[in-house]
Amino acid sequence: MQRKRLAGIVAAVVVAIALVVVLVVATGGNGARNRPAAASSSSPATPAATGSTSPAATSSAPAPSAAVPSAPSVAGMPPSLPPVALTKEAAVGNGVTARVSSIKSVTASASGRGNVDGPALEVHVRITNGTAKALSLDEVEVALFYTEQDTSASPVADRAGVPFQGTLEPGASAEGTYAFTVPADERDHVTVTVGYTAGAPLLVFSGPVS
């Protein structure tokens, strides 16, 4: 009886094993075929960006700095020469020179419409003609500015004023006198400009006036 029972158990085990083998054989091939391929461990190289700059290119020498321009014309005015002290002589470069021979504080006695009596600076300018030709003085322009902001001073038709006029012969000098309204407490920085003829560079004189 026990032998028959043992034989039955063995037979059941054999059948179970056979079913497992059949099931593995039936599904093994299809599982391999349906498994997705493993992703590649290395990602494709990223293409270089078009127009990219290499480090070597960025370390090249810097572009040269722009040249410092000369003094530009302002409001149609010609360029200015480098300023000199109020007590110094300035040269145009063609033989013509100029200097502020005197600048002093006065009380202007104005005449004519638009002119006002009051604190002013009286400026005496001397021009020397070092060229070989006569020089017309009819186009001489004298202007005055004050404060660090170069505030334009109003010219005053003072009775003592004697503007340039006529002709200056070679080797000769002439002097003109001009007055400008300037507050008495704003004379720490005064600039006088002289243009001896239209289009010529302006001669510049700068400094304090007591």
N, C-alpha and C. Protein backbone atom coordinates (compact mmCIF):
# COMPACT_ATOMS: atom_id res chain seq x y z
N MET A 1 0.83 -1.21 0.00
CA MET A 1 0.00 0.00 0.00
C MET A 1 0.86 1.24 0.00
N GLN A 2 1.88 1.24 0.87
CA GLN A 2 2.78 2.39 0.94
C GLN A 2 3.56 2.54 -0.36
N ARG A 3 3.91 1.39 -0.98
CA ARG A 3 4.64 1.47 -2.24
C ARG A 3 3.80 2.14 -3.33
N LYS A 4 2.49 1.78 -3.34
CA LYS A 4 1.62 2.39 -4.36
C LYS A 4 1.51 3.89 -4.12
N ARG A 5 1.42 4.29 -2.82
CA ARG A 5 1.29 5.73 -2.50
C ARG A 5 2.58 6.47 -2.91
N LEU A 6 3.77 5.89 -2.62
CA LEU A 6 5.04 6.50 -2.96
C LEU A 6 5.19 6.62 -4.46
N ALA A 7 4.75 5.56 -5.15
CA ALA A 7 4.83 5.60 -6.61
C ALA A 7 3.95 6.71 -7.16
N GLY A 8 2.79 6.90 -6.53
CA GLY A 8 1.90 7.97 -6.99
C GLY A 8 2.51 9.35 -6.79
N ILE A 9 3.16 9.54 -5.65
CA ILE A 9 3.79 10.84 -5.36
C ILE A 9 4.89 11.12 -6.35
N VAL A 10 5.73 10.08 -6.61
CA VAL A 10 6.83 10.25 -7.57
C VAL A 10 6.29 10.60 -8.93
N ALA A 11 5.22 9.91 -9.31
CA ALA A 11 4.65 10.18 -10.64
C ALA A 11 4.13 11.59 -10.72
N ALA A 12 3.53 12.10 -9.64
CA ALA A 12 3.01 13.48 -9.63
C ALA A 12 4.13 14.48 -9.73
N VAL A 13 5.20 14.16 -9.02
CA VAL A 13 6.36 15.10 -9.07
C VAL A 13 6.94 15.13 -10.47
N VAL A 14 7.07 13.97 -11.12
CA VAL A 14 7.62 13.90 -12.47
C VAL A 14 6.75 14.70 -13.43
N VAL A 15 5.43 14.55 -13.29
CA VAL A 15 4.52 15.30 -14.18
C VAL A 15 4.66 16.78 -13.97
N ALA A 16 4.80 17.19 -12.69
CA ALA A 16 4.94 18.63 -12.39
C ALA A 16 6.21 19.18 -13.00
N ILE A 17 7.30 18.40 -12.86
CA ILE A 17 8.59 18.85 -13.43
C ILE A 17 8.48 18.96 -14.93
N ALA A 18 7.81 17.97 -15.54
CA ALA A 18 7.68 17.99 -17.00
C ALA A 18 6.89 19.20 -17.45
N LEU A 19 5.84 19.56 -16.72
CA LEU A 19 5.05 20.74 -17.09
C LEU A 19 5.87 22.04 -16.97
N VAL A 20 6.70 22.10 -15.93
CA VAL A 20 7.56 23.28 -15.76
C VAL A 20 8.53 23.42 -16.91
N VAL A 21 9.14 22.30 -17.31
CA VAL A 21 10.11 22.31 -18.42
C VAL A 21 9.44 22.75 -19.70
N VAL A 22 8.24 22.19 -19.94
CA VAL A 22 7.52 22.56 -21.17
C VAL A 22 7.19 24.04 -21.17
N LEU A 23 6.77 24.56 -20.00
CA LEU A 23 6.40 25.98 -19.91
C LEU A 23 7.62 26.88 -20.15
N VAL A 24 8.78 26.52 -19.58
CA VAL A 24 10.01 27.30 -19.77
C VAL A 24 10.43 27.32 -21.22
N VAL A 25 10.38 26.12 -21.85
CA VAL A 25 10.78 26.03 -23.26
C VAL A 25 9.87 26.85 -24.13
N ALA A 26 8.56 26.85 -23.77
CA ALA A 26 7.58 27.55 -24.62
C ALA A 26 7.74 29.06 -24.52
N THR A 27 8.10 29.58 -23.35
CA THR A 27 8.15 31.04 -23.15
C THR A 27 9.55 31.62 -23.21
N GLY A 28 10.60 30.82 -23.11
CA GLY A 28 11.98 31.34 -23.05
C GLY A 28 12.37 32.09 -24.29
N GLY A 29 12.12 31.54 -25.48
CA GLY A 29 12.54 32.19 -26.73
C GLY A 29 11.82 33.48 -26.97
N ASN A 30 10.45 33.46 -26.73
CA ASN A 30 9.68 34.69 -26.97
C ASN A 30 10.10 35.80 -26.03
N GLY A 31 10.43 35.47 -24.77
CA GLY A 31 10.84 36.50 -23.81
C GLY A 31 12.09 37.19 -24.25
N ALA A 32 13.07 36.42 -24.77
CA ALA A 32 14.31 37.02 -25.24
C ALA A 32 14.09 37.92 -26.42
N ARG A 33 13.15 37.42 -27.32
CA ARG A 33 12.91 38.22 -28.53
C ARG A 33 12.19 39.51 -28.19
N ASN A 34 11.30 39.54 -27.18
CA ASN A 34 10.49 40.72 -26.88
C ASN A 34 11.16 41.68 -25.90
N ARG A 35 12.34 41.33 -25.33
CA ARG A 35 13.01 42.21 -24.36
C ARG A 35 13.64 43.38 -25.11
N PRO A 36 13.38 44.64 -24.68
CA PRO A 36 13.96 45.79 -25.39
C PRO A 36 15.47 45.81 -25.25
N ALA A 37 16.12 46.29 -26.27
CA ALA A 37 17.57 46.35 -26.25
C ALA A 37 18.03 47.34 -25.19
N ALA A 38 19.12 47.01 -24.51
CA ALA A 38 19.66 47.89 -23.46
C ALA A 38 20.17 49.18 -24.06
N ALA A 39 19.90 50.28 -23.34
CA ALA A 39 20.36 51.58 -23.85
C ALA A 39 21.86 51.64 -23.80
N SER A 40 22.43 52.26 -24.80
CA SER A 40 23.88 52.38 -24.87
C SER A 40 24.37 53.21 -23.69
N SER A 41 25.45 52.75 -23.07
CA SER A 41 25.97 53.46 -21.90
C SER A 41 26.64 54.77 -22.26
N SER A 42 26.97 54.95 -23.53
CA SER A 42 27.62 56.20 -23.94
C SER A 42 26.68 57.00 -24.79
N SER A 43 26.46 58.27 -24.42
CA SER A 43 25.58 59.15 -25.20
C SER A 43 26.33 59.70 -26.40
N PRO A 44 25.58 59.97 -27.49
CA PRO A 44 26.25 60.48 -28.69
C PRO A 44 26.88 61.83 -28.40
N ALA A 45 28.00 62.07 -29.08
CA ALA A 45 28.71 63.35 -28.88
C ALA A 45 27.84 64.50 -29.35
N THR A 46 27.82 65.55 -28.54
CA THR A 46 27.03 66.73 -28.91
C THR A 46 27.78 67.53 -29.96
N PRO A 47 27.13 67.81 -31.10
CA PRO A 47 27.86 68.54 -32.15
C PRO A 47 28.22 69.93 -31.67
N ALA A 48 29.38 70.43 -32.14
CA ALA A 48 29.83 71.79 -31.75
C ALA A 48 28.90 72.83 -32.33
N ALA A 49 28.61 73.87 -31.52
CA ALA A 49 27.72 74.94 -32.00
C ALA A 49 28.39 75.70 -33.11
N THR A 50 27.61 76.00 -34.13
CA THR A 50 28.14 76.74 -35.27
C THR A 50 28.58 78.11 -34.83
N GLY A 51 29.78 78.49 -35.20
CA GLY A 51 30.26 79.82 -34.88
C GLY A 51 30.77 79.94 -33.47
N SER A 52 30.96 78.83 -32.74
CA SER A 52 31.45 78.91 -31.36
C SER A 52 32.89 79.37 -31.35
N THR A 53 33.30 80.01 -30.26
CA THR A 53 34.65 80.54 -30.16
C THR A 53 35.44 79.71 -29.18
N SER A 54 36.61 79.30 -29.59
CA SER A 54 37.44 78.50 -28.71
C SER A 54 38.10 79.38 -27.67
N PRO A 55 38.55 78.80 -26.53
CA PRO A 55 39.23 79.60 -25.50
C PRO A 55 40.43 80.34 -26.06
N ALA A 56 41.14 79.72 -27.00
CA ALA A 56 42.30 80.38 -27.57
C ALA A 56 41.92 81.67 -28.26
N ALA A 57 40.74 81.64 -28.91
CA ALA A 57 40.31 82.84 -29.63
C ALA A 57 39.96 83.95 -28.67
N THR A 58 39.31 83.59 -27.53
CA THR A 58 38.90 84.62 -26.58
C THR A 58 40.07 85.21 -25.84
N SER A 59 41.21 84.53 -25.81
CA SER A 59 42.36 85.05 -25.08
C SER A 59 43.28 85.88 -25.95
N SER A 60 42.83 86.20 -27.16
CA SER A 60 43.66 87.00 -28.05
C SER A 60 43.79 88.40 -27.51
N ALA A 61 44.74 89.16 -28.04
CA ALA A 61 45.02 90.52 -27.55
C ALA A 61 43.79 91.40 -27.74
N PRO A 62 43.50 92.31 -26.78
CA PRO A 62 42.32 93.18 -26.89
C PRO A 62 42.47 94.17 -28.03
N ALA A 63 41.30 94.58 -28.54
CA ALA A 63 41.31 95.54 -29.64
C ALA A 63 41.92 96.84 -29.16
N PRO A 64 42.69 97.53 -30.02
CA PRO A 64 43.29 98.80 -29.61
C PRO A 64 42.23 99.82 -29.27
N SER A 65 42.49 100.64 -28.24
CA SER A 65 41.52 101.66 -27.83
C SER A 65 41.46 102.76 -28.86
N ALA A 66 40.28 103.40 -28.92
CA ALA A 66 40.08 104.45 -29.91
C ALA A 66 40.96 105.64 -29.56
N ALA A 67 41.48 106.28 -30.59
CA ALA A 67 42.31 107.46 -30.37
C ALA A 67 41.49 108.58 -29.77
N VAL A 68 42.12 109.35 -28.89
CA VAL A 68 41.42 110.47 -28.28
C VAL A 68 41.27 111.57 -29.31
N PRO A 69 40.05 111.98 -29.63
CA PRO A 69 39.86 113.01 -30.66
C PRO A 69 40.28 114.37 -30.16
N SER A 70 40.57 115.27 -31.08
CA SER A 70 40.88 116.64 -30.70
C SER A 70 39.59 117.33 -30.27
N ALA A 71 39.76 118.51 -29.68
CA ALA A 71 38.58 119.23 -29.18
C ALA A 71 37.61 119.49 -30.33
N PRO A 72 36.36 119.03 -30.23
CA PRO A 72 35.40 119.18 -31.33
C PRO A 72 34.83 120.58 -31.38
N SER A 73 34.29 120.91 -32.51
CA SER A 73 33.59 122.18 -32.63
C SER A 73 32.27 122.10 -31.87
N VAL A 74 31.90 123.19 -31.22
CA VAL A 74 30.66 123.23 -30.46
C VAL A 74 29.77 124.30 -31.06
N ALA A 75 28.55 123.90 -31.43
CA ALA A 75 27.57 124.82 -31.99
C ALA A 75 28.16 125.60 -33.16
N GLY A 76 28.89 124.90 -34.03
CA GLY A 76 29.44 125.53 -35.21
C GLY A 76 30.73 126.30 -34.97
N MET A 77 31.23 126.29 -33.74
CA MET A 77 32.46 127.00 -33.42
C MET A 77 33.66 126.16 -33.85
N PRO A 78 34.79 126.81 -34.17
CA PRO A 78 36.00 126.05 -34.53
C PRO A 78 36.59 125.37 -33.30
N PRO A 79 37.51 124.42 -33.49
CA PRO A 79 38.12 123.74 -32.34
C PRO A 79 38.97 124.69 -31.53
N SER A 80 39.19 124.33 -30.26
CA SER A 80 39.98 125.16 -29.37
C SER A 80 41.39 124.59 -29.21
N LEU A 81 42.37 125.47 -29.11
CA LEU A 81 43.73 125.06 -28.81
C LEU A 81 43.83 124.77 -27.31
N PRO A 82 44.85 124.02 -26.88
CA PRO A 82 45.00 123.75 -25.45
C PRO A 82 45.08 125.06 -24.66
N PRO A 83 44.41 125.13 -23.51
CA PRO A 83 44.40 126.38 -22.75
C PRO A 83 45.76 126.68 -22.11
N VAL A 84 46.02 127.97 -21.95
CA VAL A 84 47.20 128.44 -21.23
C VAL A 84 46.72 129.33 -20.09
N ALA A 85 47.63 129.66 -19.18
CA ALA A 85 47.27 130.52 -18.06
C ALA A 85 46.91 131.91 -18.56
N LEU A 86 46.14 132.62 -17.76
CA LEU A 86 45.71 133.98 -18.13
C LEU A 86 46.90 134.91 -18.34
N THR A 87 48.02 134.59 -17.74
CA THR A 87 49.19 135.45 -17.84
C THR A 87 50.15 135.04 -18.95
N LYS A 88 49.83 133.96 -19.68
CA LYS A 88 50.73 133.44 -20.70
C LYS A 88 50.31 133.86 -22.11
N GLU A 89 51.26 133.73 -23.03
CA GLU A 89 50.98 134.01 -24.44
C GLU A 89 50.59 132.71 -25.13
N ALA A 90 49.66 132.78 -26.07
CA ALA A 90 49.23 131.61 -26.83
C ALA A 90 49.50 131.86 -28.31
N ALA A 91 49.85 130.79 -29.02
CA ALA A 91 50.20 130.90 -30.43
C ALA A 91 49.27 130.05 -31.28
N VAL A 92 48.85 130.61 -32.42
CA VAL A 92 48.00 129.86 -33.34
C VAL A 92 48.81 128.80 -34.06
N GLY A 93 50.07 129.12 -34.38
CA GLY A 93 50.94 128.18 -35.09
C GLY A 93 51.35 128.68 -36.46
N ASN A 94 50.78 129.79 -36.88
CA ASN A 94 51.12 130.36 -38.19
C ASN A 94 51.84 131.69 -38.07
N GLY A 95 52.24 132.05 -36.86
CA GLY A 95 52.90 133.33 -36.63
C GLY A 95 52.05 134.32 -35.86
N VAL A 96 50.74 134.07 -35.76
CA VAL A 96 49.84 134.93 -35.01
C VAL A 96 49.84 134.49 -33.54
N THR A 97 50.05 135.44 -32.63
CA THR A 97 50.01 135.15 -31.19
C THR A 97 49.07 136.13 -30.50
N ALA A 98 48.65 135.75 -29.30
CA ALA A 98 47.78 136.63 -28.52
C ALA A 98 48.04 136.41 -27.05
N ARG A 99 47.68 137.39 -26.24
CA ARG A 99 47.79 137.27 -24.80
C ARG A 99 46.75 138.17 -24.14
N VAL A 100 46.35 137.81 -22.92
CA VAL A 100 45.49 138.68 -22.13
C VAL A 100 46.43 139.62 -21.37
N SER A 101 46.57 140.83 -21.86
CA SER A 101 47.52 141.76 -21.26
C SER A 101 47.04 142.29 -19.92
N SER A 102 45.71 142.27 -19.71
CA SER A 102 45.16 142.73 -18.44
C SER A 102 43.74 142.23 -18.30
N ILE A 103 43.37 141.86 -17.08
CA ILE A 103 41.98 141.51 -16.77
C ILE A 103 41.71 141.99 -15.35
N LYS A 104 40.70 142.81 -15.18
CA LYS A 104 40.46 143.41 -13.87
C LYS A 104 38.97 143.57 -13.59
N SER A 105 38.67 143.67 -12.31
CA SER A 105 37.29 143.85 -11.87
C SER A 105 36.90 145.31 -11.99
N VAL A 106 35.72 145.57 -12.56
CA VAL A 106 35.21 146.93 -12.74
C VAL A 106 33.72 146.94 -12.48
N THR A 107 33.19 148.12 -12.35
CA THR A 107 31.74 148.31 -12.34
C THR A 107 31.37 148.89 -13.70
N ALA A 108 30.71 148.07 -14.50
CA ALA A 108 30.44 148.45 -15.87
C ALA A 108 29.47 149.63 -15.93
N SER A 109 29.78 150.56 -16.82
CA SER A 109 28.87 151.67 -17.11
C SER A 109 28.30 151.41 -18.48
N ALA A 110 27.27 150.59 -18.51
CA ALA A 110 26.74 150.11 -19.78
C ALA A 110 25.99 151.19 -20.53
N SER A 111 25.97 151.03 -21.84
CA SER A 111 25.20 151.94 -22.69
C SER A 111 24.50 151.11 -23.76
N GLY A 112 23.31 151.53 -24.13
CA GLY A 112 22.58 150.80 -25.16
C GLY A 112 21.59 149.81 -24.58
N ARG A 113 20.61 149.43 -25.38
CA ARG A 113 19.55 148.52 -24.96
C ARG A 113 20.12 147.13 -24.64
N GLY A 114 19.64 146.52 -23.56
CA GLY A 114 20.05 145.18 -23.19
C GLY A 114 21.30 145.11 -22.35
N ASN A 115 21.99 146.22 -22.16
CA ASN A 115 23.20 146.24 -21.34
C ASN A 115 22.85 146.70 -19.93
N VAL A 116 23.55 146.11 -18.94
CA VAL A 116 23.23 146.38 -17.54
C VAL A 116 24.49 146.84 -16.81
N ASP A 117 24.35 147.89 -16.03
CA ASP A 117 25.44 148.32 -15.16
C ASP A 117 25.65 147.29 -14.06
N GLY A 118 26.89 147.18 -13.56
CA GLY A 118 27.12 146.29 -12.44
C GLY A 118 28.48 145.64 -12.48
N PRO A 119 28.72 144.64 -11.59
CA PRO A 119 30.02 143.96 -11.53
C PRO A 119 30.39 143.33 -12.88
N ALA A 120 31.61 143.58 -13.30
CA ALA A 120 32.05 143.06 -14.60
C ALA A 120 33.55 142.85 -14.58
N LEU A 121 34.04 142.17 -15.60
CA LEU A 121 35.47 142.02 -15.82
C LEU A 121 35.84 142.73 -17.11
N GLU A 122 36.86 143.55 -17.02
CA GLU A 122 37.36 144.27 -18.20
C GLU A 122 38.60 143.53 -18.69
N VAL A 123 38.54 143.08 -19.94
CA VAL A 123 39.60 142.24 -20.50
C VAL A 123 40.32 142.99 -21.61
N HIS A 124 41.64 143.06 -21.50
CA HIS A 124 42.48 143.66 -22.54
C HIS A 124 43.24 142.54 -23.25
N VAL A 125 43.05 142.42 -24.55
CA VAL A 125 43.68 141.36 -25.34
C VAL A 125 44.63 142.00 -26.36
N ARG A 126 45.86 141.47 -26.43
CA ARG A 126 46.85 141.98 -27.39
C ARG A 126 47.13 140.89 -28.44
N ILE A 127 47.05 141.24 -29.70
CA ILE A 127 47.34 140.33 -30.81
C ILE A 127 48.57 140.83 -31.55
N THR A 128 49.48 139.91 -31.87
CA THR A 128 50.69 140.24 -32.62
C THR A 128 50.69 139.48 -33.94
N ASN A 129 50.94 140.19 -35.02
CA ASN A 129 50.96 139.58 -36.36
C ASN A 129 52.39 139.18 -36.72
N GLY A 130 52.70 137.91 -36.55
CA GLY A 130 54.03 137.42 -36.89
C GLY A 130 54.11 136.82 -38.27
N THR A 131 53.12 137.06 -39.11
CA THR A 131 53.13 136.54 -40.48
C THR A 131 53.74 137.58 -41.42
N ALA A 132 53.84 137.22 -42.68
CA ALA A 132 54.41 138.13 -43.67
C ALA A 132 53.34 138.96 -44.37
N LYS A 133 52.07 138.82 -43.98
CA LYS A 133 50.98 139.54 -44.64
C LYS A 133 50.18 140.35 -43.61
N ALA A 134 49.53 141.38 -44.10
CA ALA A 134 48.66 142.20 -43.23
C ALA A 134 47.49 141.34 -42.75
N LEU A 135 47.05 141.60 -41.54
CA LEU A 135 46.00 140.81 -40.91
C LEU A 135 44.80 141.69 -40.60
N SER A 136 43.63 141.31 -41.10
CA SER A 136 42.41 142.05 -40.78
C SER A 136 41.96 141.71 -39.36
N LEU A 137 41.63 142.76 -38.59
CA LEU A 137 41.16 142.57 -37.23
C LEU A 137 39.64 142.70 -37.10
N ASP A 138 38.97 142.87 -38.21
CA ASP A 138 37.52 143.09 -38.16
C ASP A 138 36.74 141.84 -37.75
N GLU A 139 37.38 140.66 -37.86
CA GLU A 139 36.68 139.41 -37.52
C GLU A 139 37.08 138.86 -36.17
N VAL A 140 37.86 139.60 -35.39
CA VAL A 140 38.29 139.11 -34.09
C VAL A 140 37.08 138.95 -33.17
N GLU A 141 37.02 137.80 -32.50
CA GLU A 141 35.94 137.52 -31.55
C GLU A 141 36.56 137.18 -30.19
N VAL A 142 36.12 137.90 -29.14
CA VAL A 142 36.58 137.64 -27.78
C VAL A 142 35.37 137.26 -26.94
N ALA A 143 35.47 136.16 -26.19
CA ALA A 143 34.38 135.70 -25.33
C ALA A 143 34.94 135.34 -23.97
N LEU A 144 34.06 135.32 -22.98
CA LEU A 144 34.48 134.99 -21.61
C LEU A 144 33.48 134.03 -20.98
N PHE A 145 34.01 133.06 -20.24
CA PHE A 145 33.20 132.07 -19.53
C PHE A 145 33.68 132.00 -18.08
N TYR A 146 32.78 131.67 -17.17
CA TYR A 146 33.16 131.57 -15.76
C TYR A 146 32.51 130.36 -15.11
N THR A 147 33.04 129.95 -13.96
CA THR A 147 32.70 128.75 -13.20
C THR A 147 33.21 127.50 -13.92
N GLU A 148 33.23 126.38 -13.19
CA GLU A 148 33.68 125.11 -13.77
C GLU A 148 32.74 124.63 -14.87
N GLN A 149 31.50 125.11 -14.86
CA GLN A 149 30.52 124.73 -15.89
C GLN A 149 30.64 125.60 -17.13
N ASP A 150 31.60 126.50 -17.17
CA ASP A 150 31.81 127.39 -18.32
C ASP A 150 30.54 128.14 -18.69
N THR A 151 30.02 128.86 -17.73
CA THR A 151 28.85 129.71 -17.97
C THR A 151 29.26 130.88 -18.85
N SER A 152 28.51 131.11 -19.91
CA SER A 152 28.85 132.19 -20.83
C SER A 152 28.52 133.54 -20.21
N ALA A 153 29.51 134.44 -20.18
CA ALA A 153 29.32 135.78 -19.63
C ALA A 153 28.74 136.70 -20.70
N SER A 154 27.82 137.55 -20.29
CA SER A 154 27.19 138.49 -21.23
C SER A 154 28.13 139.66 -21.50
N PRO A 155 28.41 139.93 -22.77
CA PRO A 155 29.25 141.10 -23.07
C PRO A 155 28.50 142.39 -22.74
N VAL A 156 29.25 143.39 -22.32
CA VAL A 156 28.68 144.68 -21.97
C VAL A 156 29.29 145.75 -22.87
N ALA A 157 28.43 146.54 -23.49
CA ALA A 157 28.92 147.64 -24.32
C ALA A 157 29.32 148.79 -23.40
N ASP A 158 30.45 148.55 -22.68
CA ASP A 158 30.92 149.57 -21.73
C ASP A 158 31.56 150.72 -22.49
N ARG A 159 31.46 151.88 -21.90
CA ARG A 159 32.02 153.07 -22.55
C ARG A 159 33.53 152.98 -22.71
N ALA A 160 34.17 152.15 -21.87
CA ALA A 160 35.63 152.02 -21.96
C ALA A 160 36.04 150.95 -22.98
N GLY A 161 35.07 150.22 -23.53
CA GLY A 161 35.39 149.15 -24.46
C GLY A 161 35.91 149.67 -25.79
N VAL A 162 36.97 149.01 -26.29
CA VAL A 162 37.55 149.36 -27.59
C VAL A 162 37.79 148.05 -28.35
N PRO A 163 36.84 147.58 -29.14
CA PRO A 163 37.02 146.31 -29.86
C PRO A 163 38.06 146.42 -30.97
N PHE A 164 38.58 145.27 -31.40
CA PHE A 164 39.55 145.24 -32.50
C PHE A 164 38.87 145.70 -33.79
N GLN A 165 39.65 146.38 -34.60
CA GLN A 165 39.18 146.78 -35.92
C GLN A 165 40.36 147.23 -36.76
N GLY A 166 40.14 147.28 -38.06
CA GLY A 166 41.20 147.74 -38.97
C GLY A 166 42.13 146.62 -39.40
N THR A 167 43.36 147.01 -39.78
CA THR A 167 44.35 146.08 -40.32
C THR A 167 45.62 146.11 -39.48
N LEU A 168 46.19 144.95 -39.25
CA LEU A 168 47.41 144.83 -38.47
C LEU A 168 48.55 144.42 -39.41
N GLU A 169 49.54 145.26 -39.54
CA GLU A 169 50.65 145.00 -40.44
C GLU A 169 51.58 143.92 -39.89
N PRO A 170 52.38 143.29 -40.76
CA PRO A 170 53.33 142.26 -40.30
C PRO A 170 54.28 142.82 -39.24
N GLY A 171 54.46 142.07 -38.17
CA GLY A 171 55.36 142.48 -37.10
C GLY A 171 54.74 143.43 -36.10
N ALA A 172 53.54 143.91 -36.33
CA ALA A 172 52.90 144.89 -35.44
C ALA A 172 51.97 144.20 -34.45
N SER A 173 51.59 144.93 -33.40
CA SER A 173 50.66 144.45 -32.38
C SER A 173 49.53 145.44 -32.20
N ALA A 174 48.38 144.93 -31.75
CA ALA A 174 47.23 145.79 -31.49
C ALA A 174 46.51 145.26 -30.27
N GLU A 175 45.77 146.14 -29.58
CA GLU A 175 45.07 145.74 -28.37
C GLU A 175 43.60 146.13 -28.43
N GLY A 176 42.74 145.22 -27.94
CA GLY A 176 41.31 145.48 -27.85
C GLY A 176 40.85 145.33 -26.42
N THR A 177 39.79 146.07 -26.05
CA THR A 177 39.27 146.03 -24.69
C THR A 177 37.80 145.64 -24.71
N TYR A 178 37.44 144.67 -23.84
CA TYR A 178 36.08 144.14 -23.80
C TYR A 178 35.66 144.02 -22.34
N ALA A 179 34.35 144.15 -22.09
CA ALA A 179 33.81 144.00 -20.74
C ALA A 179 32.71 142.94 -20.74
N PHE A 180 32.66 142.16 -19.64
CA PHE A 180 31.68 141.08 -19.52
C PHE A 180 31.11 141.09 -18.10
N THR A 181 29.81 140.88 -18.01
CA THR A 181 29.16 140.79 -16.71
C THR A 181 29.50 139.47 -16.05
N VAL A 182 30.16 139.54 -14.87
CA VAL A 182 30.54 138.35 -14.12
C VAL A 182 30.32 138.63 -12.64
N PRO A 183 29.51 137.82 -11.94
CA PRO A 183 29.30 138.02 -10.50
C PRO A 183 30.63 138.04 -9.75
N ALA A 184 30.74 138.90 -8.76
CA ALA A 184 31.99 139.07 -8.03
C ALA A 184 32.42 137.82 -7.30
N ASP A 185 31.47 136.95 -6.91
CA ASP A 185 31.81 135.75 -6.15
C ASP A 185 31.92 134.49 -7.01
N GLU A 186 32.01 134.65 -8.33
CA GLU A 186 32.11 133.49 -9.23
C GLU A 186 33.25 133.68 -10.23
N ARG A 187 34.42 134.02 -9.71
CA ARG A 187 35.56 134.31 -10.58
C ARG A 187 36.76 133.41 -10.29
N ASP A 188 36.51 132.30 -9.62
CA ASP A 188 37.60 131.38 -9.32
C ASP A 188 38.07 130.63 -10.56
N HIS A 189 37.20 130.53 -11.55
CA HIS A 189 37.57 129.84 -12.80
C HIS A 189 37.02 130.66 -13.96
N VAL A 190 37.92 131.39 -14.61
CA VAL A 190 37.54 132.26 -15.73
C VAL A 190 38.29 131.83 -16.98
N THR A 191 37.59 131.77 -18.09
CA THR A 191 38.20 131.39 -19.37
C THR A 191 37.90 132.45 -20.41
N VAL A 192 38.95 132.90 -21.09
CA VAL A 192 38.82 133.87 -22.18
C VAL A 192 39.22 133.18 -23.48
N THR A 193 38.38 133.28 -24.50
CA THR A 193 38.70 132.71 -25.81
C THR A 193 38.85 133.84 -26.83
N VAL A 194 39.82 133.65 -27.72
CA VAL A 194 40.09 134.66 -28.75
C VAL A 194 40.16 133.96 -30.10
N GLY A 195 39.30 134.36 -31.03
CA GLY A 195 39.37 133.89 -32.40
C GLY A 195 39.78 135.07 -33.27
N TYR A 196 40.95 134.98 -33.89
CA TYR A 196 41.46 136.15 -34.61
C TYR A 196 40.86 136.30 -36.00
N THR A 197 40.34 135.19 -36.54
CA THR A 197 39.68 135.26 -37.84
C THR A 197 38.72 134.08 -37.95
N ALA A 198 37.75 134.19 -38.84
CA ALA A 198 36.73 133.14 -38.97
C ALA A 198 37.36 131.80 -39.35
N GLY A 199 36.98 130.74 -38.62
CA GLY A 199 37.46 129.39 -38.90
C GLY A 199 38.78 129.03 -38.26
N ALA A 200 39.50 130.02 -37.70
CA ALA A 200 40.79 129.73 -37.08
C ALA A 200 40.59 129.09 -35.70
N PRO A 201 41.52 128.27 -35.24
CA PRO A 201 41.39 127.69 -33.89
C PRO A 201 41.33 128.79 -32.84
N LEU A 202 40.54 128.53 -31.79
CA LEU A 202 40.39 129.52 -30.72
C LEU A 202 41.57 129.43 -29.77
N LEU A 203 42.13 130.59 -29.42
CA LEU A 203 43.15 130.68 -28.39
C LEU A 203 42.42 130.74 -27.05
N VAL A 204 42.87 129.95 -26.07
CA VAL A 204 42.16 129.81 -24.80
C VAL A 204 43.07 130.17 -23.64
N PHE A 205 42.56 131.03 -22.76
CA PHE A 205 43.29 131.46 -21.56
C PHE A 205 42.40 131.17 -20.36
N SER A 206 42.97 130.56 -19.31
CA SER A 206 42.14 130.15 -18.19
C SER A 206 42.85 130.33 -16.87
N GLY A 207 42.07 130.69 -15.83
CA GLY A 207 42.64 130.84 -14.50
C GLY A 207 41.72 131.63 -13.59
N PRO A 208 42.09 131.83 -12.34
CA PRO A 208 41.29 132.60 -11.40
C PRO A 208 41.52 134.10 -11.58
N VAL A 209 40.50 134.88 -11.22
CA VAL A 209 40.60 136.34 -11.24
C VAL A 209 40.18 136.85 -9.87
N SER A 210 41.03 137.64 -9.26
CA SER A 210 40.73 138.15 -7.93
C SER A 210 39.87 139.40 -8.02
